[in-house]
């Protein structure tokens, strides 16, 4: 039996939302319910939960304007600023 692929959250840490950069989950199904709800409300954020074999590519894409990872990262930053 093959296990769920590990995914890592590569976005910025926002403690109030339960988002901690570099946290590894045993697949998206293993995410806490509050994060599942957040991704359901903001589907773009799913692109910040990447398979561990694609971490380097995702981190590069975060720094590349216009990529889905870059846009999602910016969305999280906007959410963080809105909570202040």
PDB file of N, CA and C in Angstrom:
ATOM      1  N   UNK A   1       0.849  -1.190   0.000  1.00  0.00           N
ATOM      2  CA  UNK A   1       0.000   0.000   0.000  1.00  0.00           C
ATOM      3  C   UNK A   1       0.888   1.244   0.000  1.00  0.00           C
ATOM      4  N   UNK A   2       0.612   2.121  -0.883  1.00  0.00           N
ATOM      5  CA  UNK A   2       1.396   3.343  -0.996  1.00  0.00           C
ATOM      6  C   UNK A   2       0.776   4.436  -0.142  1.00  0.00           C
ATOM      7  N   UNK A   3       1.611   5.160   0.612  1.00  0.00           N
ATOM      8  CA  UNK A   3       1.126   6.230   1.475  1.00  0.00           C
ATOM      9  C   UNK A   3       0.819   7.485   0.689  1.00  0.00           C
ATOM     10  N   UNK A   4       0.183   8.417   1.354  1.00  0.00           N
ATOM     11  CA  UNK A   4      -0.119   9.697   0.737  1.00  0.00           C
ATOM     12  C   UNK A   4       1.179  10.466   0.508  1.00  0.00           C
ATOM     13  N   UNK A   5       1.277  11.203  -0.603  1.00  0.00           N
ATOM     14  CA  UNK A   5       2.499  11.986  -0.820  1.00  0.00           C
ATOM     15  C   UNK A   5       2.578  13.139   0.180  1.00  0.00           C
ATOM     16  N   UNK A   6       3.775  13.351   0.696  1.00  0.00           N
ATOM     17  CA  UNK A   6       3.977  14.463   1.620  1.00  0.00           C
ATOM     18  C   UNK A   6       3.927  15.778   0.863  1.00  0.00           C
ATOM     19  N   UNK A   7       3.310  16.770   1.481  1.00  0.00           N
ATOM     20  CA  UNK A   7       3.271  18.122   0.920  1.00  0.00           C
ATOM     21  C   UNK A   7       3.788  19.083   1.973  1.00  0.00           C
ATOM     22  N   UNK A   8       4.407  20.166   1.500  1.00  0.00           N
ATOM     23  CA  UNK A   8       4.928  21.191   2.403  1.00  0.00           C
ATOM     24  C   UNK A   8       4.246  22.515   2.090  1.00  0.00           C
ATOM     25  N   UNK A   9       3.888  23.239   3.153  1.00  0.00           N
ATOM     26  CA  UNK A   9       3.361  24.593   2.986  1.00  0.00           C
ATOM     27  C   UNK A   9       4.553  25.521   2.817  1.00  0.00           C
ATOM     28  N   UNK A  10       4.618  26.218   1.680  1.00  0.00           N
ATOM     29  CA  UNK A  10       5.762  27.078   1.367  1.00  0.00           C
ATOM     30  C   UNK A  10       5.422  28.567   1.453  1.00  0.00           C
ATOM     31  N   UNK A  11       4.230  28.888   1.902  1.00  0.00           N
ATOM     32  CA  UNK A  11       3.841  30.290   2.049  1.00  0.00           C
ATOM     33  C   UNK A  11       4.341  30.875   3.357  1.00  0.00           C
ATOM     34  N   UNK A  12       4.028  32.143   3.610  1.00  0.00           N
ATOM     35  CA  UNK A  12       4.472  32.796   4.842  1.00  0.00           C
ATOM     36  C   UNK A  12       3.699  32.288   6.061  1.00  0.00           C
ATOM     37  N   UNK A  13       4.329  32.364   7.211  1.00  0.00           N
ATOM     38  CA  UNK A  13       3.699  31.958   8.470  1.00  0.00           C
ATOM     39  C   UNK A  13       2.673  32.999   8.910  1.00  0.00           C
ATOM     40  N   UNK A  14       1.478  32.515   9.228  1.00  0.00           N
ATOM     41  CA  UNK A  14       0.440  33.341   9.853  1.00  0.00           C
ATOM     42  C   UNK A  14      -0.165  32.486  10.958  1.00  0.00           C
ATOM     43  N   UNK A  15       0.314  32.684  12.158  1.00  0.00           N
ATOM     44  CA  UNK A  15      -0.084  31.849  13.287  1.00  0.00           C
ATOM     45  C   UNK A  15      -1.596  31.869  13.491  1.00  0.00           C
ATOM     46  N   UNK A  16      -2.209  33.034  13.371  1.00  0.00           N
ATOM     47  CA  UNK A  16      -3.653  33.158  13.604  1.00  0.00           C
ATOM     48  C   UNK A  16      -4.482  32.293  12.658  1.00  0.00           C
ATOM     49  N   UNK A  17      -3.938  31.994  11.483  1.00  0.00           N
ATOM     50  CA  UNK A  17      -4.652  31.163  10.512  1.00  0.00           C
ATOM     51  C   UNK A  17      -4.180  29.709  10.541  1.00  0.00           C
ATOM     52  N   UNK A  18      -3.208  29.428  11.381  1.00  0.00           N
ATOM     53  CA  UNK A  18      -2.684  28.073  11.451  1.00  0.00           C
ATOM     54  C   UNK A  18      -1.728  27.735  10.326  1.00  0.00           C
ATOM     55  N   UNK A  19      -1.192  28.755   9.663  1.00  0.00           N
ATOM     56  CA  UNK A  19      -0.260  28.546   8.554  1.00  0.00           C
ATOM     57  C   UNK A  19       1.166  28.757   9.054  1.00  0.00           C
ATOM     58  N   UNK A  20       1.981  27.716   8.952  1.00  0.00           N
ATOM     59  CA  UNK A  20       3.377  27.824   9.365  1.00  0.00           C
ATOM     60  C   UNK A  20       4.263  27.364   8.218  1.00  0.00           C
ATOM     61  N   UNK A  21       5.120  28.272   7.767  1.00  0.00           N
ATOM     62  CA  UNK A  21       5.998  27.981   6.638  1.00  0.00           C
ATOM     63  C   UNK A  21       6.820  26.727   6.913  1.00  0.00           C
ATOM     64  N   UNK A  22       6.968  25.921   5.873  1.00  0.00           N
ATOM     65  CA  UNK A  22       7.768  24.688   5.877  1.00  0.00           C
ATOM     66  C   UNK A  22       7.168  23.549   6.691  1.00  0.00           C
ATOM     67  N   UNK A  23       5.884  23.628   7.032  1.00  0.00           N
ATOM     68  CA  UNK A  23       5.212  22.516   7.696  1.00  0.00           C
ATOM     69  C   UNK A  23       4.922  21.439   6.663  1.00  0.00           C
ATOM     70  N   UNK A  24       5.201  20.196   7.026  1.00  0.00           N
ATOM     71  CA  UNK A  24       4.965  19.061   6.125  1.00  0.00           C
ATOM     72  C   UNK A  24       3.737  18.302   6.610  1.00  0.00           C
ATOM     73  N   UNK A  25       2.859  17.976   5.652  1.00  0.00           N
ATOM     74  CA  UNK A  25       1.650  17.184   5.911  1.00  0.00           C
ATOM     75  C   UNK A  25       1.722  15.911   5.079  1.00  0.00           C
ATOM     76  N   UNK A  26       1.122  14.852   5.566  1.00  0.00           N
ATOM     77  CA  UNK A  26       1.059  13.591   4.815  1.00  0.00           C
ATOM     78  C   UNK A  26      -0.110  13.664   3.841  1.00  0.00           C
ATOM     79  N   UNK A  27       0.056  14.495   2.826  1.00  0.00           N
ATOM     80  CA  UNK A  27      -0.982  14.697   1.827  1.00  0.00           C
ATOM     81  C   UNK A  27      -1.942  15.796   2.247  1.00  0.00           C
ATOM     82  N   UNK A  28      -2.643  16.335   1.281  1.00  0.00           N
ATOM     83  CA  UNK A  28      -3.600  17.406   1.580  1.00  0.00           C
ATOM     84  C   UNK A  28      -4.702  16.931   2.510  1.00  0.00           C
ATOM     85  N   UNK A  29      -4.998  15.630   2.454  1.00  0.00           N
ATOM     86  CA  UNK A  29      -6.045  15.069   3.304  1.00  0.00           C
ATOM     87  C   UNK A  29      -5.682  15.122   4.781  1.00  0.00           C
ATOM     88  N   UNK A  30      -4.397  15.260   5.099  1.00  0.00           N
ATOM     89  CA  UNK A  30      -3.944  15.273   6.491  1.00  0.00           C
ATOM     90  C   UNK A  30      -3.913  16.684   7.086  1.00  0.00           C
ATOM     91  N   UNK A  31      -4.300  17.674   6.303  1.00  0.00           N
ATOM     92  CA  UNK A  31      -4.292  19.054   6.802  1.00  0.00           C
ATOM     93  C   UNK A  31      -5.379  19.229   7.859  1.00  0.00           C
ATOM     94  N   UNK A  32      -5.130  20.080   8.865  1.00  0.00           N
ATOM     95  CA  UNK A  32      -6.159  20.365   9.871  1.00  0.00           C
ATOM     96  C   UNK A  32      -7.401  20.974   9.209  1.00  0.00           C
ATOM     97  N   UNK A  33      -8.571  20.738   9.800  1.00  0.00           N
ATOM     98  CA  UNK A  33      -9.828  21.234   9.214  1.00  0.00           C
ATOM     99  C   UNK A  33      -9.842  22.732   8.935  1.00  0.00           C
ATOM    100  N   UNK A  34      -9.229  23.553   9.805  1.00  0.00           N
ATOM    101  CA  UNK A  34      -9.254  25.004   9.572  1.00  0.00           C
ATOM    102  C   UNK A  34      -8.477  25.367   8.314  1.00  0.00           C
ATOM    103  N   UNK A  35      -7.428  24.612   7.981  1.00  0.00           N
ATOM    104  CA  UNK A  35      -6.683  24.886   6.748  1.00  0.00           C
ATOM    105  C   UNK A  35      -7.457  24.411   5.530  1.00  0.00           C
ATOM    106  N   UNK A  36      -8.147  23.293   5.658  1.00  0.00           N
ATOM    107  CA  UNK A  36      -8.994  22.811   4.557  1.00  0.00           C
ATOM    108  C   UNK A  36     -10.062  23.855   4.249  1.00  0.00           C
ATOM    109  N   UNK A  37     -10.677  24.408   5.291  1.00  0.00           N
ATOM    110  CA  UNK A  37     -11.694  25.451   5.097  1.00  0.00           C
ATOM    111  C   UNK A  37     -11.099  26.682   4.431  1.00  0.00           C
ATOM    112  N   UNK A  38      -9.905  27.078   4.861  1.00  0.00           N
ATOM    113  CA  UNK A  38      -9.237  28.242   4.279  1.00  0.00           C
ATOM    114  C   UNK A  38      -8.964  28.026   2.799  1.00  0.00           C
ATOM    115  N   UNK A  39      -8.492  26.845   2.438  1.00  0.00           N
ATOM    116  CA  UNK A  39      -8.212  26.532   1.031  1.00  0.00           C
ATOM    117  C   UNK A  39      -9.513  26.488   0.232  1.00  0.00           C
ATOM    118  N   UNK A  40     -10.591  26.037   0.856  1.00  0.00           N
ATOM    119  CA  UNK A  40     -11.887  26.023   0.167  1.00  0.00           C
ATOM    120  C   UNK A  40     -12.369  27.443  -0.124  1.00  0.00           C
ATOM    121  N   UNK A  41     -12.089  28.372   0.792  1.00  0.00           N
ATOM    122  CA  UNK A  41     -12.492  29.771   0.612  1.00  0.00           C
ATOM    123  C   UNK A  41     -11.551  30.482  -0.370  1.00  0.00           C
ATOM    124  N   UNK A  42     -10.274  30.157  -0.303  1.00  0.00           N
ATOM    125  CA  UNK A  42      -9.243  30.771  -1.158  1.00  0.00           C
ATOM    126  C   UNK A  42      -8.507  29.646  -1.902  1.00  0.00           C
ATOM    127  N   UNK A  43      -9.111  29.062  -2.947  1.00  0.00           N
ATOM    128  CA  UNK A  43      -8.527  27.903  -3.626  1.00  0.00           C
ATOM    129  C   UNK A  43      -7.102  28.116  -4.152  1.00  0.00           C
ATOM    130  N   UNK A  44      -6.744  29.353  -4.445  1.00  0.00           N
ATOM    131  CA  UNK A  44      -5.397  29.630  -4.948  1.00  0.00           C
ATOM    132  C   UNK A  44      -4.331  29.191  -3.940  1.00  0.00           C
ATOM    133  N   UNK A  45      -4.678  29.200  -2.652  1.00  0.00           N
ATOM    134  CA  UNK A  45      -3.714  28.839  -1.623  1.00  0.00           C
ATOM    135  C   UNK A  45      -3.265  27.390  -1.716  1.00  0.00           C
ATOM    136  N   UNK A  46      -4.045  26.556  -2.360  1.00  0.00           N
ATOM    137  CA  UNK A  46      -3.649  25.154  -2.520  1.00  0.00           C
ATOM    138  C   UNK A  46      -2.306  25.030  -3.232  1.00  0.00           C
ATOM    139  N   UNK A  47      -1.966  26.021  -4.052  1.00  0.00           N
ATOM    140  CA  UNK A  47      -0.694  25.969  -4.776  1.00  0.00           C
ATOM    141  C   UNK A  47       0.509  26.182  -3.856  1.00  0.00           C
ATOM    142  N   UNK A  48       0.265  26.574  -2.608  1.00  0.00           N
ATOM    143  CA  UNK A  48       1.358  26.742  -1.647  1.00  0.00           C
ATOM    144  C   UNK A  48       1.580  25.479  -0.817  1.00  0.00           C
ATOM    145  N   UNK A  49       0.792  24.460  -1.058  1.00  0.00           N
ATOM    146  CA  UNK A  49       0.987  23.143  -0.447  1.00  0.00           C
ATOM    147  C   UNK A  49       1.518  22.242  -1.551  1.00  0.00           C
ATOM    148  N   UNK A  50       2.828  22.077  -1.594  1.00  0.00           N
ATOM    149  CA  UNK A  50       3.460  21.412  -2.740  1.00  0.00           C
ATOM    150  C   UNK A  50       4.070  20.075  -2.333  1.00  0.00           C
ATOM    151  N   UNK A  51       4.058  19.108  -3.262  1.00  0.00           N
ATOM    152  CA  UNK A  51       4.734  17.835  -2.985  1.00  0.00           C
ATOM    153  C   UNK A  51       6.199  18.108  -2.628  1.00  0.00           C
ATOM    154  N   UNK A  52       6.702  17.365  -1.669  1.00  0.00           N
ATOM    155  CA  UNK A  52       8.059  17.632  -1.200  1.00  0.00           C
ATOM    156  C   UNK A  52       9.096  17.496  -2.314  1.00  0.00           C
ATOM    157  N   UNK A  53       8.805  16.727  -3.336  1.00  0.00           N
ATOM    158  CA  UNK A  53       9.757  16.589  -4.451  1.00  0.00           C
ATOM    159  C   UNK A  53       9.781  17.829  -5.343  1.00  0.00           C
ATOM    160  N   UNK A  54       8.835  18.752  -5.147  1.00  0.00           N
ATOM    161  CA  UNK A  54       8.769  19.958  -5.979  1.00  0.00           C
ATOM    162  C   UNK A  54       9.011  21.237  -5.186  1.00  0.00           C
ATOM    163  N   UNK A  55       9.590  21.127  -4.005  1.00  0.00           N
ATOM    164  CA  UNK A  55       9.789  22.296  -3.150  1.00  0.00           C
ATOM    165  C   UNK A  55      10.685  23.335  -3.811  1.00  0.00           C
ATOM    166  N   UNK A  56      11.803  22.913  -4.381  1.00  0.00           N
ATOM    167  CA  UNK A  56      12.746  23.870  -4.993  1.00  0.00           C
ATOM    168  C   UNK A  56      12.066  24.643  -6.116  1.00  0.00           C
ATOM    169  N   UNK A  57      11.319  23.948  -6.943  1.00  0.00           N
ATOM    170  CA  UNK A  57      10.616  24.601  -8.061  1.00  0.00           C
ATOM    171  C   UNK A  57       9.578  25.592  -7.532  1.00  0.00           C
ATOM    172  N   UNK A  58       8.830  25.191  -6.508  1.00  0.00           N
ATOM    173  CA  UNK A  58       7.795  26.065  -5.953  1.00  0.00           C
ATOM    174  C   UNK A  58       8.404  27.318  -5.335  1.00  0.00           C
ATOM    175  N   UNK A  59       9.506  27.162  -4.613  1.00  0.00           N
ATOM    176  CA  UNK A  59      10.148  28.331  -3.990  1.00  0.00           C
ATOM    177  C   UNK A  59      10.697  29.275  -5.052  1.00  0.00           C
ATOM    178  N   UNK A  60      11.184  28.726  -6.156  1.00  0.00           N
ATOM    179  CA  UNK A  60      11.635  29.562  -7.272  1.00  0.00           C
ATOM    180  C   UNK A  60      10.441  30.309  -7.869  1.00  0.00           C
ATOM    181  N   UNK A  61       9.324  29.604  -8.038  1.00  0.00           N
ATOM    182  CA  UNK A  61       8.130  30.221  -8.615  1.00  0.00           C
ATOM    183  C   UNK A  61       7.546  31.309  -7.722  1.00  0.00           C
ATOM    184  N   UNK A  62       7.700  31.177  -6.407  1.00  0.00           N
ATOM    185  CA  UNK A  62       7.223  32.220  -5.499  1.00  0.00           C
ATOM    186  C   UNK A  62       7.909  33.546  -5.810  1.00  0.00           C
ATOM    187  N   UNK A  63       9.158  33.472  -6.223  1.00  0.00           N
ATOM    188  CA  UNK A  63       9.935  34.681  -6.516  1.00  0.00           C
ATOM    189  C   UNK A  63       9.755  35.174  -7.961  1.00  0.00           C
ATOM    190  N   UNK A  64       8.983  34.439  -8.774  1.00  0.00           N
ATOM    191  CA  UNK A  64       8.784  34.797 -10.180  1.00  0.00           C
ATOM    192  C   UNK A  64       7.412  35.452 -10.349  1.00  0.00           C
ATOM    193  N   UNK A  65       7.399  36.739 -10.678  1.00  0.00           N
ATOM    194  CA  UNK A  65       6.142  37.473 -10.843  1.00  0.00           C
ATOM    195  C   UNK A  65       5.211  36.785 -11.826  1.00  0.00           C
ATOM    196  N   UNK A  66       3.950  36.692 -11.418  1.00  0.00           N
ATOM    197  CA  UNK A  66       2.915  36.179 -12.298  1.00  0.00           C
ATOM    198  C   UNK A  66       2.649  34.689 -12.193  1.00  0.00           C
ATOM    199  N   UNK A  67       3.523  33.932 -11.519  1.00  0.00           N
ATOM    200  CA  UNK A  67       3.253  32.501 -11.374  1.00  0.00           C
ATOM    201  C   UNK A  67       2.145  32.310 -10.344  1.00  0.00           C
ATOM    202  N   UNK A  68       1.486  31.170 -10.399  1.00  0.00           N
ATOM    203  CA  UNK A  68       0.398  30.905  -9.455  1.00  0.00           C
ATOM    204  C   UNK A  68       0.920  30.912  -8.019  1.00  0.00           C
ATOM    205  N   UNK A  69       2.139  30.413  -7.813  1.00  0.00           N
ATOM    206  CA  UNK A  69       2.717  30.415  -6.473  1.00  0.00           C
ATOM    207  C   UNK A  69       2.989  31.837  -5.989  1.00  0.00           C
ATOM    208  N   UNK A  70       3.466  32.684  -6.882  1.00  0.00           N
ATOM    209  CA  UNK A  70       3.729  34.085  -6.550  1.00  0.00           C
ATOM    210  C   UNK A  70       2.428  34.799  -6.191  1.00  0.00           C
ATOM    211  N   UNK A  71       1.394  34.571  -6.969  1.00  0.00           N
ATOM    212  CA  UNK A  71       0.105  35.209  -6.709  1.00  0.00           C
ATOM    213  C   UNK A  71      -0.506  34.716  -5.402  1.00  0.00           C
ATOM    214  N   UNK A  72      -0.387  33.417  -5.143  1.00  0.00           N
ATOM    215  CA  UNK A  72      -0.924  32.856  -3.906  1.00  0.00           C
ATOM    216  C   UNK A  72      -0.165  33.390  -2.695  1.00  0.00           C
ATOM    217  N   UNK A  73       1.161  33.466  -2.808  1.00  0.00           N
ATOM    218  CA  UNK A  73       1.982  34.007  -1.719  1.00  0.00           C
ATOM    219  C   UNK A  73       1.557  35.445  -1.421  1.00  0.00           C
ATOM    220  N   UNK A  74       1.368  36.233  -2.472  1.00  0.00           N
ATOM    221  CA  UNK A  74       0.926  37.625  -2.309  1.00  0.00           C
ATOM    222  C   UNK A  74      -0.447  37.689  -1.648  1.00  0.00           C
ATOM    223  N   UNK A  75      -1.321  36.755  -1.998  1.00  0.00           N
ATOM    224  CA  UNK A  75      -2.657  36.702  -1.396  1.00  0.00           C
ATOM    225  C   UNK A  75      -2.566  36.461   0.111  1.00  0.00           C
ATOM    226  N   UNK A  76      -1.666  35.574   0.519  1.00  0.00           N
ATOM    227  CA  UNK A  76      -1.491  35.309   1.943  1.00  0.00           C
ATOM    228  C   UNK A  76      -0.945  36.545   2.652  1.00  0.00           C
ATOM    229  N   UNK A  77      -0.026  37.232   2.023  1.00  0.00           N
ATOM    230  CA  UNK A  77       0.517  38.472   2.607  1.00  0.00           C
ATOM    231  C   UNK A  77      -0.610  39.491   2.795  1.00  0.00           C
ATOM    232  N   UNK A  78      -1.490  39.614   1.803  1.00  0.00           N
ATOM    233  CA  UNK A  78      -2.616  40.546   1.908  1.00  0.00           C
ATOM    234  C   UNK A  78      -3.522  40.139   3.066  1.00  0.00           C
ATOM    235  N   UNK A  79      -3.764  38.831   3.218  1.00  0.00           N
ATOM    236  CA  UNK A  79      -4.584  38.351   4.322  1.00  0.00           C
ATOM    237  C   UNK A  79      -3.934  38.699   5.666  1.00  0.00           C
ATOM    238  N   UNK A  80      -2.627  38.565   5.729  1.00  0.00           N
ATOM    239  CA  UNK A  80      -1.887  38.858   6.959  1.00  0.00           C
ATOM    240  C   UNK A  80      -2.004  40.334   7.302  1.00  0.00           C
ATOM    241  N   UNK A  81      -1.856  41.192   6.321  1.00  0.00           N
ATOM    242  CA  UNK A  81      -1.941  42.636   6.565  1.00  0.00           C
ATOM    243  C   UNK A  81      -3.347  43.040   6.969  1.00  0.00           C
ATOM    244  N   UNK A  82      -4.343  42.361   6.447  1.00  0.00           N
ATOM    245  CA  UNK A  82      -5.730  42.652   6.777  1.00  0.00           C
ATOM    246  C   UNK A  82      -6.085  42.295   8.198  1.00  0.00           C
ATOM    247  N   UNK A  83      -5.272  41.456   8.832  1.00  0.00           N
ATOM    248  CA  UNK A  83      -5.574  41.036  10.207  1.00  0.00           C
ATOM    249  C   UNK A  83      -4.939  41.949  11.238  1.00  0.00           C
ATOM    250  N   UNK A  84      -4.148  42.870  10.829  1.00  0.00           N
ATOM    251  CA  UNK A  84      -3.502  43.756  11.807  1.00  0.00           C
ATOM    252  C   UNK A  84      -4.464  44.779  12.334  1.00  0.00           C
TER     253      UNK A  84
END
